[in-house]
């Protein structure tokens, strides 16, 4: 909530009409701010909607970042899609050689 403004003292017993009116206006403004803060704090639906919007925005940013990373890793410099077949074939060939060597040694 808002804290009272201690910089301006309240008018004393010998204060003039202008001082009293200024103090009343300042007090009304502080009361209005306090009431608004309480209203905002008690607005559960509004806070939930705000939190959901924040979560949605964060998710959209993360999806965009992930999409950018995937595109960078799966496309060539000219924008064409990179083929995964050569690397997959190389891995399969290496595994086949290792299995073949293990089976050949066991005989």
Protein backbone atom coordinates (compact mmCIF):
# COMPACT_ATOMS: atom_id res chain seq x y z
CA UNK A 1 0.00 0.00 0.00
CA UNK A 2 1.04 3.58 -0.09
CA UNK A 3 2.94 5.07 2.75
CA UNK A 4 1.95 8.44 4.16
CA UNK A 5 3.98 11.40 2.98
CA UNK A 6 5.99 12.41 6.05
CA UNK A 7 7.75 15.24 4.21
CA UNK A 8 4.83 17.62 4.62
CA UNK A 9 3.67 18.11 8.20
CA UNK A 10 0.01 18.48 9.03
CA UNK A 11 -1.19 22.03 9.55
CA UNK A 12 -1.04 23.29 13.10
CA UNK A 13 -3.73 25.08 15.10
CA UNK A 14 -2.74 28.44 13.62
CA UNK A 15 -2.94 27.23 9.98
CA UNK A 16 -4.84 29.25 7.47
CA UNK A 17 -7.71 28.18 5.27
CA UNK A 18 -5.42 27.50 2.29
CA UNK A 19 -3.20 25.21 4.40
CA UNK A 20 -6.20 23.26 5.65
CA UNK A 21 -7.65 22.86 2.15
CA UNK A 22 -4.28 21.72 0.79
CA UNK A 23 -4.01 19.18 3.62
CA UNK A 24 -7.53 17.91 2.88
CA UNK A 25 -6.73 17.51 -0.83
CA UNK A 26 -3.48 15.70 -0.04
CA UNK A 27 -5.30 13.38 2.36
CA UNK A 28 -8.00 12.67 -0.25
CA UNK A 29 -5.35 11.83 -2.82
CA UNK A 30 -3.59 9.46 -0.41
CA UNK A 31 -6.91 7.84 0.50
CA UNK A 32 -7.75 7.42 -3.18
CA UNK A 33 -4.40 5.75 -3.84
CA UNK A 34 -4.86 3.45 -0.85
CA UNK A 35 -8.38 2.51 -1.94
CA UNK A 36 -7.15 1.80 -5.49
CA UNK A 37 -4.31 -0.36 -4.16
CA UNK A 38 -6.77 -2.36 -2.05
CA UNK A 39 -9.15 -2.74 -4.99
CA UNK A 40 -6.32 -4.00 -7.20
CA UNK A 41 -5.19 -6.43 -4.51
CA UNK A 42 -8.70 -7.84 -4.07
CA UNK A 43 -9.34 -8.23 -7.81
CA UNK A 44 -8.44 -11.92 -8.01
CA UNK A 45 -9.90 -12.41 -11.47
CA UNK A 46 -7.98 -9.45 -12.85
CA UNK A 47 -4.75 -10.65 -11.29
CA UNK A 48 -5.32 -14.17 -12.68
CA UNK A 49 -5.99 -12.79 -16.15
CA UNK A 50 -2.82 -10.70 -15.90
CA UNK A 51 -0.76 -13.68 -14.77
CA UNK A 52 -2.18 -15.79 -17.61
CA UNK A 53 -1.31 -13.09 -20.12
CA UNK A 54 2.22 -12.89 -18.75
CA UNK A 55 2.58 -16.68 -18.97
CA UNK A 56 1.24 -16.64 -22.53
CA UNK A 57 3.73 -13.95 -23.54
CA UNK A 58 6.60 -15.89 -21.96
CA UNK A 59 5.52 -19.08 -23.75
CA UNK A 60 5.30 -17.28 -27.09
CA UNK A 61 8.81 -15.90 -26.60
CA UNK A 62 10.19 -19.36 -25.73
CA UNK A 63 8.48 -20.97 -28.72
CA UNK A 64 9.90 -18.29 -30.98
CA UNK A 65 13.39 -18.83 -29.59
CA UNK A 66 13.09 -22.61 -29.96
CA UNK A 67 11.84 -22.23 -33.53
CA UNK A 68 14.80 -20.01 -34.35
CA UNK A 69 17.26 -22.58 -32.95
CA UNK A 70 15.61 -25.44 -34.87
CA UNK A 71 15.65 -23.48 -38.12
CA UNK A 72 19.32 -22.56 -37.61
CA UNK A 73 20.27 -26.20 -37.01
CA UNK A 74 18.21 -27.72 -39.83
CA UNK A 75 18.80 -25.34 -42.73
CA UNK A 76 21.79 -24.54 -44.90
CA UNK A 77 23.10 -21.03 -45.51
CA UNK A 78 20.88 -20.68 -48.60
CA UNK A 79 17.76 -21.61 -46.60
CA UNK A 80 17.35 -25.14 -47.94
CA UNK A 81 16.62 -27.96 -45.52
CA UNK A 82 19.65 -29.93 -44.42
CA UNK A 83 19.49 -33.68 -45.01
CA UNK A 84 19.91 -35.87 -41.95
CA UNK A 85 20.52 -39.04 -43.99
CA UNK A 86 24.35 -38.83 -44.25
CA UNK A 87 24.86 -38.46 -40.52
CA UNK A 88 22.31 -41.16 -39.73
CA UNK A 89 23.89 -43.51 -42.26
CA UNK A 90 27.33 -42.89 -40.78
CA UNK A 91 26.12 -43.74 -37.28
CA UNK A 92 24.42 -46.92 -38.50
CA UNK A 93 27.58 -47.96 -40.38
CA UNK A 94 29.79 -47.41 -37.32
CA UNK A 95 27.43 -49.41 -35.10
CA UNK A 96 27.30 -52.21 -37.70
CA UNK A 97 31.10 -52.38 -37.85
CA UNK A 98 31.37 -52.50 -34.04
CA UNK A 99 28.75 -55.27 -33.81
CA UNK A 100 30.48 -57.16 -36.63
CA UNK A 101 33.87 -56.95 -34.88
CA UNK A 102 32.37 -58.13 -31.57
CA UNK A 103 30.63 -61.09 -33.23
CA UNK A 104 33.76 -62.01 -35.26
CA UNK A 105 35.95 -62.05 -32.10
CA UNK A 106 33.53 -64.30 -30.21
CA UNK A 107 33.89 -67.12 -32.78
